[in-house]
């Protein structure tokens, strides 16, 4: 998948991830939480994470926050 700057990805729900309250809020208000207009639901690979400029996670307690890939 060819990614462009400012492309935001989220895991697909078919991966058995939790479609939680914070995830739903982020998807409904992309500009507010990510400063983005679009987001792509996809299968995210380790290679994609290694090439990412930023990795952001979210949960209802902490909101949206940056994370680092640690080996």
PDB file of N, CA and C in Angstrom:
ATOM      1  N   UNK A   1       0.852  -1.173   0.000  1.00  0.00           N
ATOM      2  CA  UNK A   1       0.000   0.000   0.000  1.00  0.00           C
ATOM      3  C   UNK A   1       0.894   1.231   0.000  1.00  0.00           C
ATOM      4  N   UNK A   2       0.680   2.120  -0.906  1.00  0.00           N
ATOM      5  CA  UNK A   2       1.459   3.348  -1.007  1.00  0.00           C
ATOM      6  C   UNK A   2       0.836   4.405  -0.098  1.00  0.00           C
ATOM      7  N   UNK A   3       1.548   4.801   0.943  1.00  0.00           N
ATOM      8  CA  UNK A   3       1.043   5.774   1.903  1.00  0.00           C
ATOM      9  C   UNK A   3       1.586   7.162   1.581  1.00  0.00           C
ATOM     10  N   UNK A   4       0.748   8.132   1.761  1.00  0.00           N
ATOM     11  CA  UNK A   4       1.137   9.519   1.568  1.00  0.00           C
ATOM     12  C   UNK A   4       1.182  10.211   2.917  1.00  0.00           C
ATOM     13  N   UNK A   5       1.912  11.296   2.973  1.00  0.00           N
ATOM     14  CA  UNK A   5       1.989  12.075   4.200  1.00  0.00           C
ATOM     15  C   UNK A   5       0.571  12.457   4.635  1.00  0.00           C
ATOM     16  N   UNK A   6       0.343  12.414   5.918  1.00  0.00           N
ATOM     17  CA  UNK A   6      -0.938  12.764   6.526  1.00  0.00           C
ATOM     18  C   UNK A   6      -2.024  11.729   6.241  1.00  0.00           C
ATOM     19  N   UNK A   7      -1.634  10.497   5.892  1.00  0.00           N
ATOM     20  CA  UNK A   7      -2.591   9.409   5.759  1.00  0.00           C
ATOM     21  C   UNK A   7      -2.732   8.745   7.123  1.00  0.00           C
ATOM     22  N   UNK A   8      -3.944   8.586   7.562  1.00  0.00           N
ATOM     23  CA  UNK A   8      -4.204   7.970   8.858  1.00  0.00           C
ATOM     24  C   UNK A   8      -4.840   6.610   8.638  1.00  0.00           C
ATOM     25  N   UNK A   9      -4.367   5.628   9.391  1.00  0.00           N
ATOM     26  CA  UNK A   9      -4.866   4.261   9.282  1.00  0.00           C
ATOM     27  C   UNK A   9      -5.394   3.802  10.627  1.00  0.00           C
ATOM     28  N   UNK A  10      -6.374   2.919  10.594  1.00  0.00           N
ATOM     29  CA  UNK A  10      -6.870   2.270  11.798  1.00  0.00           C
ATOM     30  C   UNK A  10      -7.102   0.805  11.473  1.00  0.00           C
ATOM     31  N   UNK A  11      -6.921  -0.085  12.443  1.00  0.00           N
ATOM     32  CA  UNK A  11      -7.160  -1.498  12.168  1.00  0.00           C
ATOM     33  C   UNK A  11      -8.611  -1.769  11.792  1.00  0.00           C
ATOM     34  N   UNK A  12      -8.799  -2.710  10.887  1.00  0.00           N
ATOM     35  CA  UNK A  12     -10.139  -3.137  10.480  1.00  0.00           C
ATOM     36  C   UNK A  12     -10.805  -3.887  11.621  1.00  0.00           C
ATOM     37  N   UNK A  13     -12.117  -3.762  11.720  1.00  0.00           N
ATOM     38  CA  UNK A  13     -12.852  -4.447  12.779  1.00  0.00           C
ATOM     39  C   UNK A  13     -12.858  -5.956  12.602  1.00  0.00           C
ATOM     40  N   UNK A  14     -12.561  -6.452  11.393  1.00  0.00           N
ATOM     41  CA  UNK A  14     -12.508  -7.902  11.199  1.00  0.00           C
ATOM     42  C   UNK A  14     -11.288  -8.523  11.875  1.00  0.00           C
ATOM     43  N   UNK A  15     -10.437  -7.714  12.490  1.00  0.00           N
ATOM     44  CA  UNK A  15      -9.275  -8.205  13.222  1.00  0.00           C
ATOM     45  C   UNK A  15      -9.599  -8.461  14.696  1.00  0.00           C
ATOM     46  N   UNK A  16     -10.866  -8.409  15.040  1.00  0.00           N
ATOM     47  CA  UNK A  16     -11.324  -8.637  16.413  1.00  0.00           C
ATOM     48  C   UNK A  16     -10.774  -7.611  17.396  1.00  0.00           C
ATOM     49  N   UNK A  17     -10.621  -6.367  16.937  1.00  0.00           N
ATOM     50  CA  UNK A  17     -10.237  -5.300  17.861  1.00  0.00           C
ATOM     51  C   UNK A  17     -11.503  -4.761  18.515  1.00  0.00           C
ATOM     52  N   UNK A  18     -11.346  -4.084  19.611  1.00  0.00           N
ATOM     53  CA  UNK A  18     -12.475  -3.500  20.311  1.00  0.00           C
ATOM     54  C   UNK A  18     -12.901  -2.217  19.607  1.00  0.00           C
ATOM     55  N   UNK A  19     -14.155  -2.157  19.204  1.00  0.00           N
ATOM     56  CA  UNK A  19     -14.697  -0.941  18.605  1.00  0.00           C
ATOM     57  C   UNK A  19     -15.216  -0.067  19.742  1.00  0.00           C
ATOM     58  N   UNK A  20     -14.274   0.418  20.546  1.00  0.00           N
ATOM     59  CA  UNK A  20     -14.605   1.115  21.778  1.00  0.00           C
ATOM     60  C   UNK A  20     -15.114   2.535  21.583  1.00  0.00           C
ATOM     61  N   UNK A  21     -15.474   3.135  22.692  1.00  0.00           N
ATOM     62  CA  UNK A  21     -16.044   4.484  22.703  1.00  0.00           C
ATOM     63  C   UNK A  21     -15.071   5.496  22.120  1.00  0.00           C
ATOM     64  N   UNK A  22     -13.801   5.432  22.504  1.00  0.00           N
ATOM     65  CA  UNK A  22     -12.821   6.404  22.022  1.00  0.00           C
ATOM     66  C   UNK A  22     -12.563   6.210  20.537  1.00  0.00           C
ATOM     67  N   UNK A  23     -12.471   4.972  20.077  1.00  0.00           N
ATOM     68  CA  UNK A  23     -12.266   4.708  18.645  1.00  0.00           C
ATOM     69  C   UNK A  23     -13.420   5.299  17.838  1.00  0.00           C
ATOM     70  N   UNK A  24     -14.628   5.087  18.308  1.00  0.00           N
ATOM     71  CA  UNK A  24     -15.800   5.627  17.612  1.00  0.00           C
ATOM     72  C   UNK A  24     -15.776   7.153  17.596  1.00  0.00           C
ATOM     73  N   UNK A  25     -15.385   7.774  18.707  1.00  0.00           N
ATOM     74  CA  UNK A  25     -15.310   9.238  18.776  1.00  0.00           C
ATOM     75  C   UNK A  25     -14.278   9.768  17.785  1.00  0.00           C
ATOM     76  N   UNK A  26     -13.107   9.121  17.736  1.00  0.00           N
ATOM     77  CA  UNK A  26     -12.061   9.547  16.803  1.00  0.00           C
ATOM     78  C   UNK A  26     -12.552   9.433  15.371  1.00  0.00           C
ATOM     79  N   UNK A  27     -13.192   8.315  15.022  1.00  0.00           N
ATOM     80  CA  UNK A  27     -13.675   8.119  13.651  1.00  0.00           C
ATOM     81  C   UNK A  27     -14.753   9.135  13.272  1.00  0.00           C
ATOM     82  N   UNK A  28     -15.556   9.558  14.234  1.00  0.00           N
ATOM     83  CA  UNK A  28     -16.613  10.534  13.962  1.00  0.00           C
ATOM     84  C   UNK A  28     -16.104  11.972  13.931  1.00  0.00           C
ATOM     85  N   UNK A  29     -14.969  12.232  14.593  1.00  0.00           N
ATOM     86  CA  UNK A  29     -14.446  13.598  14.695  1.00  0.00           C
ATOM     87  C   UNK A  29     -12.951  13.615  14.359  1.00  0.00           C
ATOM     88  N   UNK A  30     -12.627  13.225  13.135  1.00  0.00           N
ATOM     89  CA  UNK A  30     -11.232  13.114  12.711  1.00  0.00           C
ATOM     90  C   UNK A  30     -10.461  14.423  12.856  1.00  0.00           C
ATOM     91  N   UNK A  31     -11.076  15.531  12.477  1.00  0.00           N
ATOM     92  CA  UNK A  31     -10.394  16.828  12.575  1.00  0.00           C
ATOM     93  C   UNK A  31     -10.044  17.156  14.019  1.00  0.00           C
ATOM     94  N   UNK A  32     -10.963  16.897  14.918  1.00  0.00           N
ATOM     95  CA  UNK A  32     -10.754  17.209  16.331  1.00  0.00           C
ATOM     96  C   UNK A  32      -9.607  16.402  16.920  1.00  0.00           C
ATOM     97  N   UNK A  33      -9.593  15.117  16.662  1.00  0.00           N
ATOM     98  CA  UNK A  33      -8.621  14.236  17.311  1.00  0.00           C
ATOM     99  C   UNK A  33      -7.314  14.060  16.541  1.00  0.00           C
ATOM    100  N   UNK A  34      -7.379  14.082  15.204  1.00  0.00           N
ATOM    101  CA  UNK A  34      -6.185  13.808  14.403  1.00  0.00           C
ATOM    102  C   UNK A  34      -5.803  14.933  13.450  1.00  0.00           C
ATOM    103  N   UNK A  35      -6.663  15.924  13.296  1.00  0.00           N
ATOM    104  CA  UNK A  35      -6.407  16.966  12.308  1.00  0.00           C
ATOM    105  C   UNK A  35      -6.479  16.418  10.893  1.00  0.00           C
ATOM    106  N   UNK A  36      -7.321  15.408  10.694  1.00  0.00           N
ATOM    107  CA  UNK A  36      -7.405  14.713   9.404  1.00  0.00           C
ATOM    108  C   UNK A  36      -8.822  14.776   8.851  1.00  0.00           C
ATOM    109  N   UNK A  37      -8.915  14.604   7.533  1.00  0.00           N
ATOM    110  CA  UNK A  37     -10.225  14.550   6.885  1.00  0.00           C
ATOM    111  C   UNK A  37     -10.657  13.124   6.585  1.00  0.00           C
ATOM    112  N   UNK A  38      -9.697  12.222   6.440  1.00  0.00           N
ATOM    113  CA  UNK A  38     -10.023  10.834   6.101  1.00  0.00           C
ATOM    114  C   UNK A  38      -9.156   9.867   6.892  1.00  0.00           C
ATOM    115  N   UNK A  39      -9.668   8.672   7.021  1.00  0.00           N
ATOM    116  CA  UNK A  39      -8.928   7.592   7.662  1.00  0.00           C
ATOM    117  C   UNK A  39      -9.252   6.308   6.908  1.00  0.00           C
ATOM    118  N   UNK A  40      -8.276   5.422   6.834  1.00  0.00           N
ATOM    119  CA  UNK A  40      -8.436   4.172   6.100  1.00  0.00           C
ATOM    120  C   UNK A  40      -8.426   3.016   7.093  1.00  0.00           C
ATOM    121  N   UNK A  41      -9.456   2.170   7.049  1.00  0.00           N
ATOM    122  CA  UNK A  41      -9.470   0.949   7.849  1.00  0.00           C
ATOM    123  C   UNK A  41      -8.764  -0.131   7.050  1.00  0.00           C
ATOM    124  N   UNK A  42      -7.757  -0.760   7.644  1.00  0.00           N
ATOM    125  CA  UNK A  42      -6.946  -1.735   6.923  1.00  0.00           C
ATOM    126  C   UNK A  42      -6.257  -2.672   7.907  1.00  0.00           C
ATOM    127  N   UNK A  43      -5.590  -3.667   7.379  1.00  0.00           N
ATOM    128  CA  UNK A  43      -4.729  -4.527   8.187  1.00  0.00           C
ATOM    129  C   UNK A  43      -3.371  -3.837   8.261  1.00  0.00           C
ATOM    130  N   UNK A  44      -2.936  -3.475   9.430  1.00  0.00           N
ATOM    131  CA  UNK A  44      -1.680  -2.752   9.623  1.00  0.00           C
ATOM    132  C   UNK A  44      -0.578  -3.752   9.930  1.00  0.00           C
ATOM    133  N   UNK A  45       0.468  -3.707   9.141  1.00  0.00           N
ATOM    134  CA  UNK A  45       1.581  -4.645   9.304  1.00  0.00           C
ATOM    135  C   UNK A  45       2.695  -4.025  10.134  1.00  0.00           C
ATOM    136  N   UNK A  46       3.584  -4.864  10.589  1.00  0.00           N
ATOM    137  CA  UNK A  46       4.758  -4.376  11.332  1.00  0.00           C
ATOM    138  C   UNK A  46       5.587  -3.443  10.449  1.00  0.00           C
ATOM    139  N   UNK A  47       5.734  -3.787   9.175  1.00  0.00           N
ATOM    140  CA  UNK A  47       6.481  -2.945   8.245  1.00  0.00           C
ATOM    141  C   UNK A  47       5.854  -1.556   8.147  1.00  0.00           C
ATOM    142  N   UNK A  48       4.541  -1.495   8.114  1.00  0.00           N
ATOM    143  CA  UNK A  48       3.857  -0.198   8.060  1.00  0.00           C
ATOM    144  C   UNK A  48       4.153   0.614   9.322  1.00  0.00           C
ATOM    145  N   UNK A  49       4.142  -0.050  10.468  1.00  0.00           N
ATOM    146  CA  UNK A  49       4.444   0.642  11.723  1.00  0.00           C
ATOM    147  C   UNK A  49       5.878   1.139  11.746  1.00  0.00           C
ATOM    148  N   UNK A  50       6.803   0.325  11.232  1.00  0.00           N
ATOM    149  CA  UNK A  50       8.215   0.719  11.208  1.00  0.00           C
ATOM    150  C   UNK A  50       8.453   1.928  10.312  1.00  0.00           C
ATOM    151  N   UNK A  51       7.641   2.099   9.272  1.00  0.00           N
ATOM    152  CA  UNK A  51       7.816   3.223   8.351  1.00  0.00           C
ATOM    153  C   UNK A  51       6.968   4.437   8.723  1.00  0.00           C
ATOM    154  N   UNK A  52       6.125   4.313   9.732  1.00  0.00           N
ATOM    155  CA  UNK A  52       5.212   5.397  10.112  1.00  0.00           C
ATOM    156  C   UNK A  52       5.964   6.591  10.694  1.00  0.00           C
ATOM    157  N   UNK A  53       5.517   7.791  10.329  1.00  0.00           N
ATOM    158  CA  UNK A  53       6.083   9.001  10.931  1.00  0.00           C
ATOM    159  C   UNK A  53       5.665   9.113  12.389  1.00  0.00           C
ATOM    160  N   UNK A  54       4.418   8.764  12.678  1.00  0.00           N
ATOM    161  CA  UNK A  54       3.888   8.794  14.037  1.00  0.00           C
ATOM    162  C   UNK A  54       2.977   7.588  14.213  1.00  0.00           C
ATOM    163  N   UNK A  55       2.958   7.096  15.443  1.00  0.00           N
ATOM    164  CA  UNK A  55       2.010   6.060  15.817  1.00  0.00           C
ATOM    165  C   UNK A  55       1.176   6.646  16.944  1.00  0.00           C
ATOM    166  N   UNK A  56      -0.125   6.602  16.764  1.00  0.00           N
ATOM    167  CA  UNK A  56      -1.032   7.113  17.791  1.00  0.00           C
ATOM    168  C   UNK A  56      -1.972   5.997  18.214  1.00  0.00           C
ATOM    169  N   UNK A  57      -2.212   5.938  19.497  1.00  0.00           N
ATOM    170  CA  UNK A  57      -3.160   5.001  20.068  1.00  0.00           C
ATOM    171  C   UNK A  57      -4.232   5.804  20.777  1.00  0.00           C
ATOM    172  N   UNK A  58      -5.308   5.140  21.141  1.00  0.00           N
ATOM    173  CA  UNK A  58      -6.343   5.835  21.894  1.00  0.00           C
ATOM    174  C   UNK A  58      -7.056   4.869  22.822  1.00  0.00           C
ATOM    175  N   UNK A  59      -7.533   5.423  23.912  1.00  0.00           N
ATOM    176  CA  UNK A  59      -8.463   4.707  24.782  1.00  0.00           C
ATOM    177  C   UNK A  59      -9.269   5.746  25.548  1.00  0.00           C
ATOM    178  N   UNK A  60     -10.356   5.307  26.149  1.00  0.00           N
ATOM    179  CA  UNK A  60     -11.275   6.238  26.803  1.00  0.00           C
ATOM    180  C   UNK A  60     -10.635   6.961  27.987  1.00  0.00           C
ATOM    181  N   UNK A  61      -9.680   6.341  28.637  1.00  0.00           N
ATOM    182  CA  UNK A  61      -9.038   6.957  29.800  1.00  0.00           C
ATOM    183  C   UNK A  61      -8.007   8.014  29.408  1.00  0.00           C
ATOM    184  N   UNK A  62      -7.143   7.703  28.426  1.00  0.00           N
ATOM    185  CA  UNK A  62      -6.041   8.598  28.056  1.00  0.00           C
ATOM    186  C   UNK A  62      -6.331   9.446  26.826  1.00  0.00           C
ATOM    187  N   UNK A  63      -7.362   9.149  26.079  1.00  0.00           N
ATOM    188  CA  UNK A  63      -7.641   9.875  24.842  1.00  0.00           C
ATOM    189  C   UNK A  63      -6.708   9.389  23.750  1.00  0.00           C
ATOM    190  N   UNK A  64      -6.300  10.293  22.857  1.00  0.00           N
ATOM    191  CA  UNK A  64      -5.370   9.975  21.773  1.00  0.00           C
ATOM    192  C   UNK A  64      -3.973  10.361  22.226  1.00  0.00           C
ATOM    193  N   UNK A  65      -3.013   9.445  22.073  1.00  0.00           N
ATOM    194  CA  UNK A  65      -1.650   9.719  22.520  1.00  0.00           C
ATOM    195  C   UNK A  65      -0.660   9.049  21.580  1.00  0.00           C
ATOM    196  N   UNK A  66       0.539   9.622  21.488  1.00  0.00           N
ATOM    197  CA  UNK A  66       1.582   9.070  20.642  1.00  0.00           C
ATOM    198  C   UNK A  66       2.259   7.914  21.347  1.00  0.00           C
ATOM    199  N   UNK A  67       2.706   6.954  20.529  1.00  0.00           N
ATOM    200  CA  UNK A  67       3.406   5.770  21.052  1.00  0.00           C
ATOM    201  C   UNK A  67       4.641   5.518  20.199  1.00  0.00           C
ATOM    202  N   UNK A  68       5.592   4.831  20.775  1.00  0.00           N
ATOM    203  CA  UNK A  68       6.810   4.441  20.067  1.00  0.00           C
ATOM    204  C   UNK A  68       6.814   2.938  19.855  1.00  0.00           C
ATOM    205  N   UNK A  69       7.343   2.504  18.737  1.00  0.00           N
ATOM    206  CA  UNK A  69       7.529   1.097  18.457  1.00  0.00           C
ATOM    207  C   UNK A  69       8.824   0.666  19.128  1.00  0.00           C
ATOM    208  N   UNK A  70       8.744  -0.268  20.066  1.00  0.00           N
ATOM    209  CA  UNK A  70       9.897  -0.721  20.822  1.00  0.00           C
ATOM    210  C   UNK A  70      10.193  -2.159  20.438  1.00  0.00           C
ATOM    211  N   UNK A  71      11.460  -2.428  20.205  1.00  0.00           N
ATOM    212  CA  UNK A  71      11.882  -3.784  19.814  1.00  0.00           C
ATOM    213  C   UNK A  71      12.397  -4.536  20.985  1.00  0.00           C
TER     214      UNK A  71
END
